Amino acid sequence: MMLKFFLDVALVVTLLIELSTSWRDTQPRVKLRQGIIEGMKLITEFSQLRVFFGVPYAAAPLGSLRFAAPRKHQGWNGTYQAKNTKPGCPQLPILPENENEDCLYLDIWAPENNSSYQFPVVVFFGGVDFARESKLIFDGQELASKGLIVIRVTYRLNIFGFMCLESPELRGNIGLLDQYYALVWVKENVVYFGGNQANITLFGHFSGATSVALHMTSSRTSGLFQRVVLSSGSATAPWITDNDTIQISKQLVRILRCDANTVMCLRGKSVRELLQALQIYSESVNKTSLLLPIVDNFLQAENRYLAVSAINSFREGVHVQIPTLVGIGWPIRYPEVDEWINLLSQGYFFLQKYVEKVKIPELIKLYRLDEKVQDLITNLLEWEYSLFIDADGRFLVNQLRKMEYEAKIEAPTFHQVSLISQRSKQPVYVYCVEDIDIVSDLVDESITMDLVLFMGSISASQISRRKFSPKEVMLSKELQDCLVNFIIFG
């Protein structure tokens, strides 16, 4: 009886070892220049994918590499386990999970490939105000299931990615250089995943869309991508082209008491100290003041990334001229709506005064309007959005949403479209996703209708823990098909 027990145990152990070995043997492996990486198989309702999470595309920007342009990753011995996503780059709010500077990684979704076919490639950049990541984490499952290799890139943000004192040591645009370095990595390595180096599309949303438009204007990016998708973001918005990055950087230096030996002092601060300084500054000023990309013509010519403004580049037709898809989508839920409803509960005129005394002046400042026309524009905005009375105030709340959307997304996007299309010899397509009443538990103005539909049903579980309705499934499929056709055919 005891002998039979030991034989049964031995048989079970042997089977487990064989299953374990078989499971390891079936995990996807790719040999890169840096070394071998091992990912996972992902079986979805649509197809079977290979996924690789947390793949480093540059050396960790620690110590002397803080504020420096990205450097080559030296690779690894053995097999790198690419099975877990990495934390995002440091950002507010100050939380332990938001304080990791070792953050230059890619997530890759790739179809199974048993032939010589090379899949079109999509590289996604996200971000909100170049300061933080969206609460909706981009997932490439559904798009990859349609025969694309989808790559999500993380890059340095806020003080770590865009602080600038107009010097070689604090040059600014570091977050853009991270993205550029990731594009070089993709160009060199995507073939090992079965990707087509000659069919790479950049897909940017919010700050990511601004970034992609800026990459179109850089002389360094020739040949790195063949199409672009710009979703709800513009590089020609007034607050991008005429920003306060230099002044903000100087104030942060003062807050951190780093006036002497500035670079060494800043590199000696902890991540939390830098984020605390950013928080102190953010709480003391209007939120329209941000650390943003800048024209870096103060550098020597060979070191510049953005030698001219996006407006001038598009106006003069000196940008990369490639097929372009530009679109906008309504934010699903504005964070300020609860504040607006609270004001409305105190009385209709409280909300109306808020529009006239707070919201409209905020937009006037955002657009850097000349003092000579500010009164005229203020009167026009009041007439368009607030000079009326409705029974319960819901119309005024909707007008506020409309004003935010038109001022911050619609107007700058279509201004950029007009500039690009005037000189471009390649097609420029435009889409618009209206408000379709998608419910979201996440409160974030960067979660727009188009991005949710592009991601498909995987996004529904993130934003509201429910399945798409039949109407939403249909809209998602239509928008995904448009995107895939553009990526494949241009």
Foldseek 3Di string as FASTA:
>chain_A
DVVVVVVVVVVVVVVVVVVVVVLQVPFDWFQDPQGIETEGWDQDPLAIKHKFAFAALFAQCAQLSQLHATHHDNHDPDYHYRYDHAQADAADDDDPSRFGSRHWGKIKIAHDDPDLAAFAEEEEEEDALQGDGFLQDFDCVVLNSVGYIYMYTGFHGFPRAAAAQLDNSNQGNNRLSSVVSVLVSCLRGVVRRRHDSQQYEYEYAAVGLLSVLLQQLFPPCPSSHFEYEREQYFQPAQCNADADNNVVSVQLQVLQVQPDPNSNSVSPDGSVSSNVSVVVVCVVDDVSHGRHGYQNCSDPPVPGGRPDGSLVCLQVVVGNFHEYEYEYFQQLAAPCLVVLVVLVVVHLVSSLVCCLPPVLVSLCVNRVDDPVCSVVVSVVLCVQQRPDDDDRNPSNSVSSSVVCCCSRGVVNRVVSVVSNVVNHPYHYHYDYHYHPNDDFPDHDRSRGPLSLLLSAQVSNCSGPNDGDDPVSNVSSVVSNVVVVCSSVPD
